[in-house]
Amino acid sequence: MGKGESGQEEPTLETRLSRLEAIVAALESDDIELERALELFEEGVGHVRSAEELLRGAELRVEELLGEAGSTEVRPFEPGDSGS
């Protein structure tokens, strides 16, 4: 996990998704006040944006790794192979 602008640990993708599920459940309830619903909605939008950013970063990393793998000779692993 990285540190955010406030110096606190950034929530993981899993933590953000879990919180989003809780927010959706709260928003679906019949007895939520408008002001609280708006607060939760705003928080949810922030989690979605951050999750998208985390996923974009992961996608770029995967593309980098696949690009690196494509530029070298790849051969199957065989037990007892020392790699030379």
N, C-alpha and C. Protein backbone atom coordinates (compact mmCIF):
# COMPACT_ATOMS: atom_id res chain seq x y z
N MET A 1 0.84 -1.19 0.00
CA MET A 1 0.00 0.00 0.00
C MET A 1 0.87 1.24 0.00
N GLY A 2 0.43 2.24 -0.70
CA GLY A 2 1.17 3.49 -0.74
C GLY A 2 0.60 4.49 0.24
N LYS A 3 1.34 5.55 0.40
CA LYS A 3 0.88 6.62 1.28
C LYS A 3 0.20 7.69 0.46
N GLY A 4 -0.90 8.21 0.96
CA GLY A 4 -1.63 9.27 0.28
C GLY A 4 -1.05 10.62 0.60
N GLU A 5 -1.72 11.66 0.12
CA GLU A 5 -1.25 13.02 0.33
C GLU A 5 -1.24 13.38 1.81
N SER A 6 -2.13 12.77 2.60
CA SER A 6 -2.21 13.10 4.02
C SER A 6 -1.19 12.31 4.84
N GLY A 7 -0.41 11.43 4.18
CA GLY A 7 0.59 10.65 4.89
C GLY A 7 0.02 9.36 5.46
N GLN A 8 -1.28 9.13 5.31
CA GLN A 8 -1.90 7.91 5.80
C GLN A 8 -1.81 6.83 4.74
N GLU A 9 -1.87 5.57 5.18
CA GLU A 9 -1.86 4.46 4.25
C GLU A 9 -3.09 4.51 3.36
N GLU A 10 -2.90 4.33 2.07
CA GLU A 10 -4.00 4.28 1.12
C GLU A 10 -4.69 2.93 1.25
N PRO A 11 -6.02 2.91 1.22
CA PRO A 11 -6.72 1.62 1.28
C PRO A 11 -6.42 0.77 0.05
N THR A 12 -6.43 -0.54 0.23
CA THR A 12 -6.22 -1.45 -0.89
C THR A 12 -7.46 -1.47 -1.77
N LEU A 13 -7.32 -2.05 -2.94
CA LEU A 13 -8.46 -2.20 -3.85
C LEU A 13 -9.57 -3.00 -3.16
N GLU A 14 -9.18 -4.05 -2.48
CA GLU A 14 -10.16 -4.89 -1.80
C GLU A 14 -10.90 -4.12 -0.72
N THR A 15 -10.18 -3.29 0.02
CA THR A 15 -10.80 -2.47 1.06
C THR A 15 -11.78 -1.48 0.44
N ARG A 16 -11.39 -0.88 -0.66
CA ARG A 16 -12.27 0.08 -1.35
C ARG A 16 -13.53 -0.62 -1.86
N LEU A 17 -13.39 -1.80 -2.44
CA LEU A 17 -14.55 -2.52 -2.95
C LEU A 17 -15.48 -2.93 -1.82
N SER A 18 -14.92 -3.34 -0.71
CA SER A 18 -15.73 -3.71 0.45
C SER A 18 -16.51 -2.50 0.96
N ARG A 19 -15.83 -1.36 1.03
CA ARG A 19 -16.50 -0.13 1.49
C ARG A 19 -17.60 0.27 0.50
N LEU A 20 -17.34 0.12 -0.80
CA LEU A 20 -18.35 0.45 -1.80
C LEU A 20 -19.59 -0.43 -1.63
N GLU A 21 -19.40 -1.70 -1.32
CA GLU A 21 -20.54 -2.58 -1.07
C GLU A 21 -21.36 -2.09 0.12
N ALA A 22 -20.68 -1.65 1.17
CA ALA A 22 -21.37 -1.13 2.34
C ALA A 22 -22.13 0.15 2.01
N ILE A 23 -21.52 1.00 1.21
CA ILE A 23 -22.16 2.26 0.81
C ILE A 23 -23.41 1.98 -0.01
N VAL A 24 -23.31 1.05 -0.96
CA VAL A 24 -24.46 0.71 -1.80
C VAL A 24 -25.59 0.17 -0.92
N ALA A 25 -25.26 -0.69 0.03
CA ALA A 25 -26.28 -1.25 0.92
C ALA A 25 -26.96 -0.14 1.71
N ALA A 26 -26.18 0.81 2.20
CA ALA A 26 -26.74 1.92 2.97
C ALA A 26 -27.63 2.80 2.09
N LEU A 27 -27.19 3.05 0.86
CA LEU A 27 -27.97 3.89 -0.05
C LEU A 27 -29.27 3.21 -0.47
N GLU A 28 -29.28 1.90 -0.48
CA GLU A 28 -30.49 1.17 -0.85
C GLU A 28 -31.52 1.09 0.27
N SER A 29 -31.12 1.45 1.47
CA SER A 29 -32.06 1.40 2.59
C SER A 29 -33.11 2.50 2.45
N ASP A 30 -34.28 2.24 3.00
CA ASP A 30 -35.40 3.18 2.87
C ASP A 30 -35.33 4.35 3.85
N ASP A 31 -34.57 4.20 4.90
CA ASP A 31 -34.61 5.22 5.96
C ASP A 31 -33.38 6.12 6.01
N ILE A 32 -32.70 6.31 4.90
CA ILE A 32 -31.50 7.16 4.88
C ILE A 32 -31.91 8.60 4.55
N GLU A 33 -31.33 9.52 5.29
CA GLU A 33 -31.62 10.94 5.06
C GLU A 33 -30.84 11.43 3.84
N LEU A 34 -31.39 12.42 3.18
CA LEU A 34 -30.80 12.94 1.95
C LEU A 34 -29.35 13.38 2.16
N GLU A 35 -29.09 14.13 3.20
CA GLU A 35 -27.73 14.64 3.44
C GLU A 35 -26.74 13.49 3.63
N ARG A 36 -27.15 12.47 4.37
CA ARG A 36 -26.28 11.30 4.59
C ARG A 36 -26.08 10.54 3.27
N ALA A 37 -27.13 10.44 2.47
CA ALA A 37 -27.03 9.77 1.18
C ALA A 37 -26.03 10.49 0.27
N LEU A 38 -26.08 11.81 0.28
CA LEU A 38 -25.13 12.58 -0.53
C LEU A 38 -23.70 12.39 -0.05
N GLU A 39 -23.50 12.35 1.26
CA GLU A 39 -22.16 12.12 1.81
C GLU A 39 -21.63 10.76 1.38
N LEU A 40 -22.48 9.74 1.50
CA LEU A 40 -22.07 8.40 1.11
C LEU A 40 -21.79 8.30 -0.38
N PHE A 41 -22.64 8.94 -1.18
CA PHE A 41 -22.45 8.94 -2.62
C PHE A 41 -21.11 9.58 -2.98
N GLU A 42 -20.82 10.70 -2.36
CA GLU A 42 -19.54 11.39 -2.61
C GLU A 42 -18.36 10.51 -2.22
N GLU A 43 -18.46 9.85 -1.07
CA GLU A 43 -17.39 8.94 -0.65
C GLU A 43 -17.24 7.81 -1.65
N GLY A 44 -18.36 7.27 -2.11
CA GLY A 44 -18.33 6.17 -3.07
C GLY A 44 -17.68 6.56 -4.38
N VAL A 45 -17.98 7.75 -4.87
CA VAL A 45 -17.37 8.23 -6.11
C VAL A 45 -15.85 8.31 -5.94
N GLY A 46 -15.40 8.77 -4.79
CA GLY A 46 -13.96 8.84 -4.52
C GLY A 46 -13.32 7.46 -4.54
N HIS A 47 -14.01 6.48 -3.94
CA HIS A 47 -13.48 5.11 -3.95
C HIS A 47 -13.43 4.54 -5.36
N VAL A 48 -14.46 4.80 -6.16
CA VAL A 48 -14.48 4.31 -7.54
C VAL A 48 -13.33 4.92 -8.33
N ARG A 49 -13.12 6.21 -8.20
CA ARG A 49 -12.04 6.86 -8.95
C ARG A 49 -10.67 6.32 -8.54
N SER A 50 -10.48 6.13 -7.24
CA SER A 50 -9.20 5.59 -6.77
C SER A 50 -9.01 4.15 -7.21
N ALA A 51 -10.09 3.36 -7.20
CA ALA A 51 -10.00 1.98 -7.64
C ALA A 51 -9.65 1.92 -9.12
N GLU A 52 -10.26 2.79 -9.92
CA GLU A 52 -9.93 2.83 -11.35
C GLU A 52 -8.47 3.16 -11.56
N GLU A 53 -7.94 4.08 -10.76
CA GLU A 53 -6.53 4.45 -10.87
C GLU A 53 -5.63 3.27 -10.51
N LEU A 54 -5.98 2.55 -9.45
CA LEU A 54 -5.21 1.37 -9.06
C LEU A 54 -5.23 0.32 -10.17
N LEU A 55 -6.38 0.11 -10.77
CA LEU A 55 -6.51 -0.87 -11.84
C LEU A 55 -5.73 -0.45 -13.08
N ARG A 56 -5.76 0.84 -13.40
CA ARG A 56 -4.97 1.33 -14.54
C ARG A 56 -3.48 1.08 -14.31
N GLY A 57 -3.03 1.34 -13.09
CA GLY A 57 -1.62 1.10 -12.76
C GLY A 57 -1.25 -0.37 -12.87
N ALA A 58 -2.14 -1.24 -12.41
CA ALA A 58 -1.89 -2.67 -12.51
C ALA A 58 -1.87 -3.12 -13.97
N GLU A 59 -2.78 -2.57 -14.77
CA GLU A 59 -2.83 -2.92 -16.19
C GLU A 59 -1.54 -2.49 -16.90
N LEU A 60 -1.04 -1.30 -16.58
CA LEU A 60 0.21 -0.84 -17.18
C LEU A 60 1.37 -1.74 -16.79
N ARG A 61 1.38 -2.16 -15.53
CA ARG A 61 2.46 -3.04 -15.06
C ARG A 61 2.41 -4.38 -15.78
N VAL A 62 1.21 -4.93 -15.96
CA VAL A 62 1.07 -6.20 -16.68
C VAL A 62 1.55 -6.04 -18.12
N GLU A 63 1.17 -4.93 -18.75
CA GLU A 63 1.62 -4.69 -20.12
C GLU A 63 3.15 -4.59 -20.19
N GLU A 64 3.75 -3.93 -19.19
CA GLU A 64 5.21 -3.84 -19.15
C GLU A 64 5.83 -5.23 -19.02
N LEU A 65 5.27 -6.03 -18.14
CA LEU A 65 5.82 -7.37 -17.92
C LEU A 65 5.67 -8.23 -19.17
N LEU A 66 4.51 -8.13 -19.83
CA LEU A 66 4.31 -8.89 -21.06
C LEU A 66 5.25 -8.41 -22.15
N GLY A 67 5.50 -7.11 -22.21
CA GLY A 67 6.43 -6.56 -23.18
C GLY A 67 7.84 -7.04 -22.92
N GLU A 68 8.23 -7.10 -21.65
CA GLU A 68 9.56 -7.59 -21.29
C GLU A 68 9.69 -9.05 -21.64
N ALA A 69 8.65 -9.83 -21.38
CA ALA A 69 8.68 -11.26 -21.68
C ALA A 69 8.76 -11.49 -23.18
N GLY A 70 8.12 -10.61 -23.96
CA GLY A 70 8.13 -10.76 -25.41
C GLY A 70 9.47 -10.42 -26.03
N SER A 71 10.29 -9.65 -25.32
CA SER A 71 11.56 -9.23 -25.88
C SER A 71 12.70 -10.19 -25.55
N THR A 72 12.42 -11.21 -24.76
CA THR A 72 13.45 -12.18 -24.42
C THR A 72 13.01 -13.56 -24.88
N GLU A 73 13.97 -14.45 -24.97
CA GLU A 73 13.64 -15.82 -25.35
C GLU A 73 12.96 -16.49 -24.17
N VAL A 74 11.80 -17.03 -24.41
CA VAL A 74 11.06 -17.73 -23.37
C VAL A 74 11.06 -19.21 -23.72
N ARG A 75 11.48 -20.02 -22.75
CA ARG A 75 11.46 -21.46 -22.99
C ARG A 75 10.86 -22.15 -21.78
N PRO A 76 10.30 -23.31 -21.95
CA PRO A 76 9.66 -24.01 -20.83
C PRO A 76 10.68 -24.41 -19.78
N PHE A 77 10.24 -24.43 -18.56
CA PHE A 77 11.08 -24.85 -17.43
C PHE A 77 11.18 -26.36 -17.43
N GLU A 78 12.37 -26.85 -17.24
CA GLU A 78 12.55 -28.30 -17.11
C GLU A 78 13.27 -28.54 -15.81
N PRO A 79 12.76 -29.48 -14.98
CA PRO A 79 13.42 -29.79 -13.69
C PRO A 79 14.88 -30.12 -13.89
N GLY A 80 15.70 -29.59 -13.02
CA GLY A 80 17.12 -29.84 -13.09
C GLY A 80 17.86 -28.90 -14.01
N ASP A 81 17.12 -28.01 -14.68
CA ASP A 81 17.71 -27.04 -15.60
C ASP A 81 18.33 -25.92 -14.78
N SER A 82 19.59 -25.63 -14.97
CA SER A 82 20.24 -24.57 -14.21
C SER A 82 20.05 -23.21 -14.83
N GLY A 83 19.42 -23.15 -15.99
CA GLY A 83 19.17 -21.87 -16.64
C GLY A 83 20.27 -21.42 -17.56
N SER A 84 21.35 -22.17 -17.70
CA SER A 84 22.43 -21.78 -18.59
C SER A 84 22.56 -22.67 -19.77
